C-alpha atoms as a PDB file:
ATOM      1  CA  UNK A   1      11.324  60.277  38.333  1.00  0.00           C
ATOM      2  CA  UNK A   2       8.834  58.616  35.959  1.00  0.00           C
ATOM      3  CA  UNK A   3       8.234  61.431  33.435  1.00  0.00           C
ATOM      4  CA  UNK A   4       6.134  64.109  35.125  1.00  0.00           C
ATOM      5  CA  UNK A   5       4.743  61.600  37.614  1.00  0.00           C
ATOM      6  CA  UNK A   6       5.860  62.396  41.181  1.00  0.00           C
ATOM      7  CA  UNK A   7       7.660  59.647  43.018  1.00  0.00           C
ATOM      8  CA  UNK A   8       6.034  60.550  46.338  1.00  0.00           C
ATOM      9  CA  UNK A   9       2.784  62.397  47.118  1.00  0.00           C
ATOM     10  CA  UNK A  10       2.478  63.947  50.582  1.00  0.00           C
ATOM     11  CA  UNK A  11      -0.032  65.972  52.541  1.00  0.00           C
ATOM     12  CA  UNK A  12      -0.245  66.904  56.206  1.00  0.00           C
ATOM     13  CA  UNK A  13       0.460  69.590  58.767  1.00  0.00           C
ATOM     14  CA  UNK A  14       3.757  71.461  58.678  1.00  0.00           C
ATOM     15  CA  UNK A  15       5.512  72.858  61.756  1.00  0.00           C
ATOM     16  CA  UNK A  16       8.408  75.143  62.498  1.00  0.00           C
ATOM     17  CA  UNK A  17      10.527  73.125  64.957  1.00  0.00           C
ATOM     18  CA  UNK A  18      12.808  74.581  67.609  1.00  0.00           C
ATOM     19  CA  UNK A  19      14.870  71.804  69.183  1.00  0.00           C
ATOM     20  CA  UNK A  20      16.709  72.163  72.496  1.00  0.00           C
ATOM     21  CA  UNK A  21      19.382  69.584  73.374  1.00  0.00           C
ATOM     22  CA  UNK A  22      22.071  69.027  75.981  1.00  0.00           C
ATOM     23  CA  UNK A  23      19.900  69.079  79.104  1.00  0.00           C
ATOM     24  CA  UNK A  24      21.692  68.003  82.250  1.00  0.00           C
ATOM     25  CA  UNK A  25      18.425  66.691  83.719  1.00  0.00           C
ATOM     26  CA  UNK A  26      14.710  66.673  82.872  1.00  0.00           C
ATOM     27  CA  UNK A  27      12.926  70.035  83.259  1.00  0.00           C
ATOM     28  CA  UNK A  28      10.703  70.526  86.307  1.00  0.00           C
ATOM     29  CA  UNK A  29       8.078  73.222  87.045  1.00  0.00           C
ATOM     30  CA  UNK A  30       9.448  76.403  88.543  1.00  0.00           C
ATOM     31  CA  UNK A  31      12.988  75.762  87.382  1.00  0.00           C
ATOM     32  CA  UNK A  32      15.017  77.238  84.546  1.00  0.00           C
ATOM     33  CA  UNK A  33      17.487  74.990  82.726  1.00  0.00           C
ATOM     34  CA  UNK A  34      20.160  76.229  80.325  1.00  0.00           C
ATOM     35  CA  UNK A  35      20.662  73.856  77.407  1.00  0.00           C
ATOM     36  CA  UNK A  36      23.923  73.360  75.540  1.00  0.00           C
ATOM     37  CA  UNK A  37      22.514  73.084  71.998  1.00  0.00           C
ATOM     38  CA  UNK A  38      19.683  74.429  69.872  1.00  0.00           C
ATOM     39  CA  UNK A  39      18.544  73.804  66.294  1.00  0.00           C
ATOM     40  CA  UNK A  40      15.626  74.884  64.129  1.00  0.00           C
ATOM     41  CA  UNK A  41      13.975  73.919  60.849  1.00  0.00           C
ATOM     42  CA  UNK A  42      10.784  72.647  59.198  1.00  0.00           C
ATOM     43  CA  UNK A  43       9.017  69.733  60.873  1.00  0.00           C
ATOM     44  CA  UNK A  44       5.850  67.670  60.673  1.00  0.00           C
ATOM     45  CA  UNK A  45       5.096  66.624  57.100  1.00  0.00           C
ATOM     46  CA  UNK A  46       8.353  68.324  56.055  1.00  0.00           C
ATOM     47  CA  UNK A  47      10.250  65.457  57.699  1.00  0.00           C
ATOM     48  CA  UNK A  48       8.980  63.014  55.087  1.00  0.00           C
ATOM     49  CA  UNK A  49       9.358  65.467  52.209  1.00  0.00           C
ATOM     50  CA  UNK A  50      12.998  66.293  52.892  1.00  0.00           C
ATOM     51  CA  UNK A  51      14.038  62.746  53.789  1.00  0.00           C
ATOM     52  CA  UNK A  52      12.620  61.379  50.517  1.00  0.00           C
ATOM     53  CA  UNK A  53      13.889  64.261  48.388  1.00  0.00           C
ATOM     54  CA  UNK A  54      17.436  63.748  49.658  1.00  0.00           C
ATOM     55  CA  UNK A  55      17.361  60.245  48.152  1.00  0.00           C
ATOM     56  CA  UNK A  56      16.699  61.725  44.730  1.00  0.00           C
ATOM     57  CA  UNK A  57      12.915  61.227  44.689  1.00  0.00           C
ATOM     58  CA  UNK A  58      10.569  63.822  43.213  1.00  0.00           C
ATOM     59  CA  UNK A  59       8.134  65.072  45.861  1.00  0.00           C
ATOM     60  CA  UNK A  60       4.721  66.720  45.522  1.00  0.00           C
ATOM     61  CA  UNK A  61       3.666  68.246  48.858  1.00  0.00           C
ATOM     62  CA  UNK A  62       0.223  69.638  49.720  1.00  0.00           C
ATOM     63  CA  UNK A  63       0.363  71.608  52.975  1.00  0.00           C
ATOM     64  CA  UNK A  64      -0.522  74.989  54.464  1.00  0.00           C
ATOM     65  CA  UNK A  65       1.967  77.740  55.304  1.00  0.00           C
ATOM     66  CA  UNK A  66       1.119  80.641  57.576  1.00  0.00           C
ATOM     67  CA  UNK A  67       1.733  84.169  56.285  1.00  0.00           C
ATOM     68  CA  UNK A  68       4.379  84.754  58.945  1.00  0.00           C
ATOM     69  CA  UNK A  69       8.135  84.443  59.371  1.00  0.00           C
ATOM     70  CA  UNK A  70       7.929  80.742  60.210  1.00  0.00           C
ATOM     71  CA  UNK A  71       5.851  79.930  57.137  1.00  0.00           C
ATOM     72  CA  UNK A  72       8.092  81.913  54.802  1.00  0.00           C
ATOM     73  CA  UNK A  73      11.214  80.283  56.234  1.00  0.00           C
ATOM     74  CA  UNK A  74       9.799  76.749  55.870  1.00  0.00           C
ATOM     75  CA  UNK A  75       8.619  77.445  52.308  1.00  0.00           C
ATOM     76  CA  UNK A  76      12.048  78.736  51.305  1.00  0.00           C
ATOM     77  CA  UNK A  77      13.822  75.719  52.797  1.00  0.00           C
ATOM     78  CA  UNK A  78      11.497  73.181  51.207  1.00  0.00           C
ATOM     79  CA  UNK A  79      11.265  74.753  47.759  1.00  0.00           C
ATOM     80  CA  UNK A  80      14.559  76.533  47.185  1.00  0.00           C
ATOM     81  CA  UNK A  81      16.929  74.395  49.262  1.00  0.00           C
ATOM     82  CA  UNK A  82      15.385  70.896  49.090  1.00  0.00           C
ATOM     83  CA  UNK A  83      13.650  70.989  45.694  1.00  0.00           C
ATOM     84  CA  UNK A  84      10.178  69.971  46.915  1.00  0.00           C
ATOM     85  CA  UNK A  85       7.264  70.777  44.570  1.00  0.00           C
ATOM     86  CA  UNK A  86       4.796  73.002  46.473  1.00  0.00           C
ATOM     87  CA  UNK A  87       2.299  73.638  43.674  1.00  0.00           C
ATOM     88  CA  UNK A  88      -0.438  71.884  45.710  1.00  0.00           C
ATOM     89  CA  UNK A  89       0.341  73.920  48.844  1.00  0.00           C
ATOM     90  CA  UNK A  90      -1.256  77.189  49.979  1.00  0.00           C
ATOM     91  CA  UNK A  91      -0.356  80.173  52.128  1.00  0.00           C
ATOM     92  CA  UNK A  92      -3.175  81.171  54.503  1.00  0.00           C
ATOM     93  CA  UNK A  93      -3.646  84.838  55.361  1.00  0.00           C
ATOM     94  CA  UNK A  94      -3.807  85.505  59.083  1.00  0.00           C
ATOM     95  CA  UNK A  95      -3.137  81.902  60.068  1.00  0.00           C
ATOM     96  CA  UNK A  96      -0.074  81.225  62.229  1.00  0.00           C
ATOM     97  CA  UNK A  97       2.314  78.469  61.191  1.00  0.00           C
ATOM     98  CA  UNK A  98       2.323  75.876  63.998  1.00  0.00           C
ATOM     99  CA  UNK A  99       5.471  76.057  66.120  1.00  0.00           C
ATOM    100  CA  UNK A 100       6.835  73.149  68.167  1.00  0.00           C
ATOM    101  CA  UNK A 101       9.508  73.321  70.842  1.00  0.00           C
ATOM    102  CA  UNK A 102      11.158  69.910  71.172  1.00  0.00           C
ATOM    103  CA  UNK A 103      13.093  69.303  74.387  1.00  0.00           C
ATOM    104  CA  UNK A 104      15.403  66.341  73.761  1.00  0.00           C
ATOM    105  CA  UNK A 105      16.573  64.341  76.760  1.00  0.00           C
ATOM    106  CA  UNK A 106      18.211  60.919  76.656  1.00  0.00           C
ATOM    107  CA  UNK A 107      16.757  58.807  73.833  1.00  0.00           C
ATOM    108  CA  UNK A 108      13.415  60.636  73.738  1.00  0.00           C
ATOM    109  CA  UNK A 109      11.933  64.129  73.720  1.00  0.00           C
ATOM    110  CA  UNK A 110       8.994  66.175  74.981  1.00  0.00           C
ATOM    111  CA  UNK A 111       7.056  68.419  72.594  1.00  0.00           C
ATOM    112  CA  UNK A 112       5.279  71.712  73.202  1.00  0.00           C
ATOM    113  CA  UNK A 113       3.247  73.049  70.271  1.00  0.00           C
ATOM    114  CA  UNK A 114       1.383  76.264  69.513  1.00  0.00           C
ATOM    115  CA  UNK A 115      -1.011  76.152  66.591  1.00  0.00           C
ATOM    116  CA  UNK A 116      -4.531  76.206  65.197  1.00  0.00           C
ATOM    117  CA  UNK A 117      -6.584  73.958  62.943  1.00  0.00           C
ATOM    118  CA  UNK A 118      -5.480  74.682  59.346  1.00  0.00           C
ATOM    119  CA  UNK A 119      -8.015  76.565  57.169  1.00  0.00           C
ATOM    120  CA  UNK A 120      -7.728  73.994  54.348  1.00  0.00           C
ATOM    121  CA  UNK A 121      -8.302  70.271  54.815  1.00  0.00           C
ATOM    122  CA  UNK A 122      -6.208  67.582  53.172  1.00  0.00           C
ATOM    123  CA  UNK A 123      -9.078  66.786  50.811  1.00  0.00           C
ATOM    124  CA  UNK A 124      -9.377  70.443  49.749  1.00  0.00           C
ATOM    125  CA  UNK A 125      -5.619  70.717  49.172  1.00  0.00           C
ATOM    126  CA  UNK A 126      -5.483  67.487  47.176  1.00  0.00           C
ATOM    127  CA  UNK A 127      -8.700  67.790  45.182  1.00  0.00           C
ATOM    128  CA  UNK A 128      -8.238  65.121  42.533  1.00  0.00           C
ATOM    129  CA  UNK A 129      -4.767  63.956  43.571  1.00  0.00           C
ATOM    130  CA  UNK A 130      -2.072  63.835  40.905  1.00  0.00           C
ATOM    131  CA  UNK A 131      -1.018  60.472  39.562  1.00  0.00           C
ATOM    132  CA  UNK A 132       1.978  59.532  41.727  1.00  0.00           C
ATOM    133  CA  UNK A 133       4.056  56.383  42.112  1.00  0.00           C
ATOM    134  CA  UNK A 134       3.642  56.342  45.905  1.00  0.00           C
ATOM    135  CA  UNK A 135       2.058  58.316  48.714  1.00  0.00           C
ATOM    136  CA  UNK A 136       3.264  58.457  52.306  1.00  0.00           C
ATOM    137  CA  UNK A 137       0.207  58.792  54.533  1.00  0.00           C
ATOM    138  CA  UNK A 138      -0.486  59.282  58.225  1.00  0.00           C
ATOM    139  CA  UNK A 139      -3.725  57.377  58.896  1.00  0.00           C
ATOM    140  CA  UNK A 140      -6.316  59.055  61.118  1.00  0.00           C
ATOM    141  CA  UNK A 141      -9.591  57.840  62.621  1.00  0.00           C
ATOM    142  CA  UNK A 142     -11.587  59.756  60.020  1.00  0.00           C
ATOM    143  CA  UNK A 143     -10.696  58.444  56.532  1.00  0.00           C
ATOM    144  CA  UNK A 144      -9.584  61.028  53.960  1.00  0.00           C
ATOM    145  CA  UNK A 145     -11.424  61.046  50.631  1.00  0.00           C
ATOM    146  CA  UNK A 146      -8.257  61.733  48.627  1.00  0.00           C
ATOM    147  CA  UNK A 147      -6.723  58.483  49.820  1.00  0.00           C
ATOM    148  CA  UNK A 148      -9.243  56.337  47.969  1.00  0.00           C
ATOM    149  CA  UNK A 149      -8.859  58.471  44.852  1.00  0.00           C
ATOM    150  CA  UNK A 150      -5.079  58.107  44.922  1.00  0.00           C
ATOM    151  CA  UNK A 151      -5.279  54.342  45.392  1.00  0.00           C
ATOM    152  CA  UNK A 152      -7.728  54.114  42.486  1.00  0.00           C
ATOM    153  CA  UNK A 153      -5.150  55.988  40.346  1.00  0.00           C
ATOM    154  CA  UNK A 154      -2.653  53.211  40.986  1.00  0.00           C
ATOM    155  CA  UNK A 155      -0.668  55.129  43.610  1.00  0.00           C
ATOM    156  CA  UNK A 156       0.905  52.742  46.122  1.00  0.00           C
ATOM    157  CA  UNK A 157       0.021  53.902  49.633  1.00  0.00           C
ATOM    158  CA  UNK A 158       2.634  53.577  52.395  1.00  0.00           C
ATOM    159  CA  UNK A 159       0.988  54.419  55.722  1.00  0.00           C
ATOM    160  CA  UNK A 160       1.866  54.919  59.341  1.00  0.00           C
ATOM    161  CA  UNK A 161      -0.246  55.936  62.319  1.00  0.00           C
ATOM    162  CA  UNK A 162       0.165  58.036  65.453  1.00  0.00           C
ATOM    163  CA  UNK A 163      -0.383  57.560  69.152  1.00  0.00           C
ATOM    164  CA  UNK A 164      -4.060  57.535  70.140  1.00  0.00           C
ATOM    165  CA  UNK A 165      -4.456  59.943  73.102  1.00  0.00           C
ATOM    166  CA  UNK A 166      -7.932  58.516  73.785  1.00  0.00           C
ATOM    167  CA  UNK A 167      -6.331  55.075  74.360  1.00  0.00           C
ATOM    168  CA  UNK A 168      -9.258  53.502  72.479  1.00  0.00           C
ATOM    169  CA  UNK A 169      -7.133  52.187  69.588  1.00  0.00           C
ATOM    170  CA  UNK A 170     -10.168  51.704  67.374  1.00  0.00           C
ATOM    171  CA  UNK A 171      -9.729  48.631  65.197  1.00  0.00           C
ATOM    172  CA  UNK A 172     -11.890  50.399  62.599  1.00  0.00           C
ATOM    173  CA  UNK A 173      -8.838  52.444  61.629  1.00  0.00           C
ATOM    174  CA  UNK A 174      -7.270  49.271  60.252  1.00  0.00           C
ATOM    175  CA  UNK A 175     -10.070  49.075  57.672  1.00  0.00           C
ATOM    176  CA  UNK A 176      -8.153  51.739  55.757  1.00  0.00           C
ATOM    177  CA  UNK A 177      -5.352  49.235  55.181  1.00  0.00           C
ATOM    178  CA  UNK A 178      -7.420  47.820  52.322  1.00  0.00           C
ATOM    179  CA  UNK A 179      -6.239  50.894  50.361  1.00  0.00           C
ATOM    180  CA  UNK A 180      -2.588  50.489  51.365  1.00  0.00           C
ATOM    181  CA  UNK A 181       0.416  48.697  49.948  1.00  0.00           C
ATOM    182  CA  UNK A 182       2.442  48.962  53.173  1.00  0.00           C
ATOM    183  CA  UNK A 183       1.864  49.795  56.835  1.00  0.00           C
ATOM    184  CA  UNK A 184       4.715  50.902  59.122  1.00  0.00           C
ATOM    185  CA  UNK A 185       3.608  51.458  62.763  1.00  0.00           C
ATOM    186  CA  UNK A 186       5.882  51.312  65.776  1.00  0.00           C
ATOM    187  CA  UNK A 187       5.604  48.339  68.103  1.00  0.00           C
ATOM    188  CA  UNK A 188       3.417  50.062  70.730  1.00  0.00           C
ATOM    189  CA  UNK A 189       0.944  51.226  68.079  1.00  0.00           C
ATOM    190  CA  UNK A 190       0.994  47.874  66.284  1.00  0.00           C
ATOM    191  CA  UNK A 191       0.238  45.873  69.439  1.00  0.00           C
ATOM    192  CA  UNK A 192      -2.451  48.309  70.602  1.00  0.00           C
ATOM    193  CA  UNK A 193      -4.358  48.340  67.311  1.00  0.00           C
ATOM    194  CA  UNK A 194      -4.125  44.565  66.809  1.00  0.00           C
ATOM    195  CA  UNK A 195      -4.831  43.661  70.471  1.00  0.00           C
ATOM    196  CA  UNK A 196      -1.719  41.488  70.589  1.00  0.00           C
ATOM    197  CA  UNK A 197       0.987  41.141  73.243  1.00  0.00           C
ATOM    198  CA  UNK A 198       4.172  41.049  71.153  1.00  0.00           C
ATOM    199  CA  UNK A 199       5.583  42.865  68.114  1.00  0.00           C
ATOM    200  CA  UNK A 200       5.843  39.549  66.229  1.00  0.00           C
ATOM    201  CA  UNK A 201       2.203  38.691  66.899  1.00  0.00           C
ATOM    202  CA  UNK A 202       1.179  42.180  65.808  1.00  0.00           C
ATOM    203  CA  UNK A 203       3.181  41.770  62.608  1.00  0.00           C
ATOM    204  CA  UNK A 204       1.409  38.484  61.916  1.00  0.00           C
ATOM    205  CA  UNK A 205      -2.005  40.106  62.250  1.00  0.00           C
ATOM    206  CA  UNK A 206      -1.065  43.094  60.109  1.00  0.00           C
ATOM    207  CA  UNK A 207       0.411  40.887  57.396  1.00  0.00           C
ATOM    208  CA  UNK A 208      -3.096  39.520  56.804  1.00  0.00           C
ATOM    209  CA  UNK A 209      -4.408  43.045  56.175  1.00  0.00           C
ATOM    210  CA  UNK A 210      -1.759  44.645  53.965  1.00  0.00           C
ATOM    211  CA  UNK A 211       0.794  43.323  51.426  1.00  0.00           C
ATOM    212  CA  UNK A 212       3.833  44.742  53.242  1.00  0.00           C
ATOM    213  CA  UNK A 213       3.781  45.030  57.033  1.00  0.00           C
ATOM    214  CA  UNK A 214       6.606  46.626  59.023  1.00  0.00           C
ATOM    215  CA  UNK A 215       6.854  47.071  62.795  1.00  0.00           C
ATOM    216  CA  UNK A 216       9.549  49.457  64.001  1.00  0.00           C
ATOM    217  CA  UNK A 217      11.080  48.710  67.402  1.00  0.00           C
ATOM    218  CA  UNK A 218      13.246  51.723  68.247  1.00  0.00           C
ATOM    219  CA  UNK A 219      16.464  50.519  69.830  1.00  0.00           C
ATOM    220  CA  UNK A 220      15.583  46.926  68.887  1.00  0.00           C
ATOM    221  CA  UNK A 221      15.473  47.613  65.149  1.00  0.00           C
ATOM    222  CA  UNK A 222      12.556  46.508  62.949  1.00  0.00           C
ATOM    223  CA  UNK A 223      10.734  43.455  61.628  1.00  0.00           C
ATOM    224  CA  UNK A 224       8.764  43.090  58.399  1.00  0.00           C
ATOM    225  CA  UNK A 225       6.846  40.718  56.133  1.00  0.00           C
ATOM    226  CA  UNK A 226       6.320  41.109  52.385  1.00  0.00           C
ATOM    227  CA  UNK A 227       3.428  38.873  51.345  1.00  0.00           C
ATOM    228  CA  UNK A 228       4.044  39.621  47.660  1.00  0.00           C
ATOM    229  CA  UNK A 229       7.551  38.170  47.644  1.00  0.00           C
ATOM    230  CA  UNK A 230       7.141  35.829  50.618  1.00  0.00           C
ATOM    231  CA  UNK A 231      10.045  37.475  52.484  1.00  0.00           C
ATOM    232  CA  UNK A 232      10.470  37.971  56.233  1.00  0.00           C
ATOM    233  CA  UNK A 233      13.212  40.183  57.654  1.00  0.00           C
ATOM    234  CA  UNK A 234      14.420  41.228  61.098  1.00  0.00           C
ATOM    235  CA  UNK A 235      17.252  43.726  61.542  1.00  0.00           C
ATOM    236  CA  UNK A 236      18.849  45.333  64.612  1.00  0.00           C
ATOM    237  CA  UNK A 237      19.156  49.047  65.192  1.00  0.00           C
ATOM    238  CA  UNK A 238      22.459  50.855  64.840  1.00  0.00           C
ATOM    239  CA  UNK A 239      24.458  51.437  68.005  1.00  0.00           C
ATOM    240  CA  UNK A 240      24.643  55.215  67.879  1.00  0.00           C
ATOM    241  CA  UNK A 241      24.705  58.257  70.117  1.00  0.00           C
ATOM    242  CA  UNK A 242      21.279  59.928  70.107  1.00  0.00           C
ATOM    243  CA  UNK A 243      21.289  63.717  70.032  1.00  0.00           C
ATOM    244  CA  UNK A 244      17.656  64.194  68.980  1.00  0.00           C
ATOM    245  CA  UNK A 245      15.152  61.489  67.994  1.00  0.00           C
ATOM    246  CA  UNK A 246      12.679  63.959  66.455  1.00  0.00           C
ATOM    247  CA  UNK A 247      11.478  62.714  63.061  1.00  0.00           C
ATOM    248  CA  UNK A 248      13.458  59.452  63.077  1.00  0.00           C
ATOM    249  CA  UNK A 249      10.307  57.468  62.284  1.00  0.00           C
ATOM    250  CA  UNK A 250       9.606  59.702  59.297  1.00  0.00           C
ATOM    251  CA  UNK A 251      13.159  59.236  57.996  1.00  0.00           C
ATOM    252  CA  UNK A 252      12.663  55.470  58.367  1.00  0.00           C
ATOM    253  CA  UNK A 253       9.442  55.567  56.333  1.00  0.00           C
ATOM    254  CA  UNK A 254      10.820  57.776  53.562  1.00  0.00           C
ATOM    255  CA  UNK A 255      13.951  55.639  53.270  1.00  0.00           C
ATOM    256  CA  UNK A 256      11.895  52.446  53.110  1.00  0.00           C
ATOM    257  CA  UNK A 257       9.880  53.934  50.247  1.00  0.00           C
ATOM    258  CA  UNK A 258      13.057  54.997  48.413  1.00  0.00           C
ATOM    259  CA  UNK A 259      14.477  51.458  48.671  1.00  0.00           C
ATOM    260  CA  UNK A 260      11.130  49.937  47.691  1.00  0.00           C
ATOM    261  CA  UNK A 261      10.973  52.057  44.538  1.00  0.00           C
ATOM    262  CA  UNK A 262      14.400  50.645  43.722  1.00  0.00           C
ATOM    263  CA  UNK A 263      13.012  47.093  43.901  1.00  0.00           C
ATOM    264  CA  UNK A 264      15.386  46.002  46.674  1.00  0.00           C
ATOM    265  CA  UNK A 265      14.934  42.758  48.676  1.00  0.00           C
ATOM    266  CA  UNK A 266      13.032  43.216  51.949  1.00  0.00           C
ATOM    267  CA  UNK A 267      16.077  42.782  54.210  1.00  0.00           C
ATOM    268  CA  UNK A 268      17.939  45.498  52.287  1.00  0.00           C
ATOM    269  CA  UNK A 269      14.937  47.836  52.434  1.00  0.00           C
ATOM    270  CA  UNK A 270      14.701  47.333  56.171  1.00  0.00           C
ATOM    271  CA  UNK A 271      18.433  47.741  56.852  1.00  0.00           C
ATOM    272  CA  UNK A 272      18.565  50.869  54.703  1.00  0.00           C
ATOM    273  CA  UNK A 273      15.654  52.447  56.592  1.00  0.00           C
ATOM    274  CA  UNK A 274      17.180  51.531  59.972  1.00  0.00           C
ATOM    275  CA  UNK A 275      20.506  53.033  58.876  1.00  0.00           C
ATOM    276  CA  UNK A 276      18.991  56.300  57.647  1.00  0.00           C
ATOM    277  CA  UNK A 277      16.947  56.702  60.826  1.00  0.00           C
ATOM    278  CA  UNK A 278      20.022  55.924  62.935  1.00  0.00           C
ATOM    279  CA  UNK A 279      22.076  58.537  61.122  1.00  0.00           C
ATOM    280  CA  UNK A 280      19.314  61.134  61.538  1.00  0.00           C
ATOM    281  CA  UNK A 281      19.265  61.031  65.351  1.00  0.00           C
ATOM    282  CA  UNK A 282      22.845  62.339  65.411  1.00  0.00           C
ATOM    283  CA  UNK A 283      21.607  65.789  64.339  1.00  0.00           C
ATOM    284  CA  UNK A 284      19.094  68.373  65.515  1.00  0.00           C
ATOM    285  CA  UNK A 285      15.520  68.381  64.277  1.00  0.00           C
ATOM    286  CA  UNK A 286      13.523  66.131  62.001  1.00  0.00           C
ATOM    287  CA  UNK A 287      13.538  67.259  58.376  1.00  0.00           C
ATOM    288  CA  UNK A 288      17.064  68.646  58.139  1.00  0.00           C
ATOM    289  CA  UNK A 289      18.569  65.720  60.070  1.00  0.00           C
ATOM    290  CA  UNK A 290      17.807  63.352  57.156  1.00  0.00           C
ATOM    291  CA  UNK A 291      21.124  61.984  55.819  1.00  0.00           C
ATOM    292  CA  UNK A 292      20.359  61.620  52.100  1.00  0.00           C
ATOM    293  CA  UNK A 293      22.694  59.694  49.816  1.00  0.00           C
ATOM    294  CA  UNK A 294      25.639  61.863  50.851  1.00  0.00           C
ATOM    295  CA  UNK A 295      25.247  60.911  54.512  1.00  0.00           C
ATOM    296  CA  UNK A 296      24.813  57.222  53.727  1.00  0.00           C
ATOM    297  CA  UNK A 297      27.854  57.195  51.420  1.00  0.00           C
ATOM    298  CA  UNK A 298      29.979  58.978  54.007  1.00  0.00           C
ATOM    299  CA  UNK A 299      28.966  56.449  56.695  1.00  0.00           C
ATOM    300  CA  UNK A 300      29.687  53.489  54.403  1.00  0.00           C
ATOM    301  CA  UNK A 301      33.082  54.839  53.328  1.00  0.00           C
ATOM    302  CA  UNK A 302      34.159  55.375  56.947  1.00  0.00           C
ATOM    303  CA  UNK A 303      32.784  52.052  58.259  1.00  0.00           C
ATOM    304  CA  UNK A 304      35.459  49.661  59.560  1.00  0.00           C
ATOM    305  CA  UNK A 305      33.367  47.276  61.667  1.00  0.00           C
ATOM    306  CA  UNK A 306      33.531  43.842  59.930  1.00  0.00           C
ATOM    307  CA  UNK A 307      30.004  42.880  60.975  1.00  0.00           C
ATOM    308  CA  UNK A 308      28.482  46.079  59.646  1.00  0.00           C
ATOM    309  CA  UNK A 309      30.545  45.839  56.463  1.00  0.00           C
ATOM    310  CA  UNK A 310      29.011  42.406  55.855  1.00  0.00           C
ATOM    311  CA  UNK A 311      25.465  43.385  56.836  1.00  0.00           C
ATOM    312  CA  UNK A 312      25.480  46.532  54.727  1.00  0.00           C
ATOM    313  CA  UNK A 313      27.638  45.239  51.875  1.00  0.00           C
ATOM    314  CA  UNK A 314      24.708  45.755  49.486  1.00  0.00           C
ATOM    315  CA  UNK A 315      25.326  49.508  49.723  1.00  0.00           C
ATOM    316  CA  UNK A 316      28.390  49.146  47.509  1.00  0.00           C
ATOM    317  CA  UNK A 317      26.033  48.454  44.602  1.00  0.00           C
ATOM    318  CA  UNK A 318      23.208  50.772  45.723  1.00  0.00           C
ATOM    319  CA  UNK A 319      24.900  54.096  46.455  1.00  0.00           C
ATOM    320  CA  UNK A 320      24.866  56.305  43.328  1.00  0.00           C
ATOM    321  CA  UNK A 321      28.173  57.121  41.654  1.00  0.00           C
ATOM    322  CA  UNK A 322      27.428  60.749  42.531  1.00  0.00           C
ATOM    323  CA  UNK A 323      25.810  60.848  45.989  1.00  0.00           C
ATOM    324  CA  UNK A 324      25.442  64.616  45.732  1.00  0.00           C
ATOM    325  CA  UNK A 325      26.746  67.461  47.879  1.00  0.00           C
ATOM    326  CA  UNK A 326      26.655  67.528  51.680  1.00  0.00           C
ATOM    327  CA  UNK A 327      23.154  68.090  53.005  1.00  0.00           C
ATOM    328  CA  UNK A 328      22.104  71.192  54.920  1.00  0.00           C
ATOM    329  CA  UNK A 329      21.584  70.418  58.593  1.00  0.00           C
ATOM    330  CA  UNK A 330      19.487  72.552  60.914  1.00  0.00           C
ATOM    331  CA  UNK A 331      20.965  75.914  61.894  1.00  0.00           C
ATOM    332  CA  UNK A 332      22.503  75.141  65.271  1.00  0.00           C
ATOM    333  CA  UNK A 333      23.779  77.011  68.279  1.00  0.00           C
ATOM    334  CA  UNK A 334      26.667  74.673  69.222  1.00  0.00           C
ATOM    335  CA  UNK A 335      27.582  73.597  72.741  1.00  0.00           C
ATOM    336  CA  UNK A 336      29.401  76.292  74.639  1.00  0.00           C
ATOM    337  CA  UNK A 337      31.558  75.963  77.767  1.00  0.00           C
ATOM    338  CA  UNK A 338      30.023  79.103  79.251  1.00  0.00           C
ATOM    339  CA  UNK A 339      26.614  78.354  80.808  1.00  0.00           C
ATOM    340  CA  UNK A 340      25.045  81.277  82.722  1.00  0.00           C
ATOM    341  CA  UNK A 341      23.797  80.380  86.175  1.00  0.00           C
ATOM    342  CA  UNK A 342      21.300  81.862  88.572  1.00  0.00           C
ATOM    343  CA  UNK A 343      17.676  82.923  88.152  1.00  0.00           C
ATOM    344  CA  UNK A 344      16.488  85.126  85.306  1.00  0.00           C
ATOM    345  CA  UNK A 345      15.617  88.650  86.393  1.00  0.00           C
END
């Protein structure tokens, strides 16, 4: 932490996530399926907050909590357990905390969400944003006023973007990259917004619009260009069993920021983010699946594969002498051999 200056500034919508895993087959209408695992915890913007905090970064989060059980639970986890600064956040009377049920199947998941538009906008929550080293931002079609203010303060903006349900993929959204230091879309988003037909071509277009461009490729890893240093990097994904992919992209982004604040070479930043995201999918949920330094150190210490030892050898000099205590994973109902059968009455 640089004095009282937050390492990472965040704002966005928070969710209470309930994650169901261990489906034998995809759900179909009119059928009840008993799952073998269940986890719960904060989600949405909390994914970024927890993932970054677990790498020792100071986090200032501006979000809205409902005055209900879900809001109180998420506030307690973020503030008391994860050490996130919530002084910019508000609790809204009579507003329900959004709740998402994530049904994980294979390497993906389906989401069902109940919620309402929050009573406070990002610009109202932020006001004049505090001077922060970085901000992790989810770009939307309508630009946020606070973003320009933060960039003018010298805050380095790391941005991603979501799926466009309208399928219009307005190129005007990319105009906001003039405020950004880095842009980290996935390959489908990158190709759609740049009107290109390959992740590499999309990366080339984006690298002309922002100093650091990253395109994540899921099971194929990630590629990136840093125009400031002149570096290009391409790294594969980890070969890992996927329990729940919820929030993996957020863990990638937060980890990339943590490595960037450390001044690491681009290839190390990219490998570190791929590793953290790969470790996160082994656990339920988004926020509380983030590995932190403890999870990374444990993976490195147990790693015997010669290729991975070479590729990730930089971790020997990067992992802190004290990686901290084990992280808190999502409260989980573990797999059980007894699965009730028959219709519910």
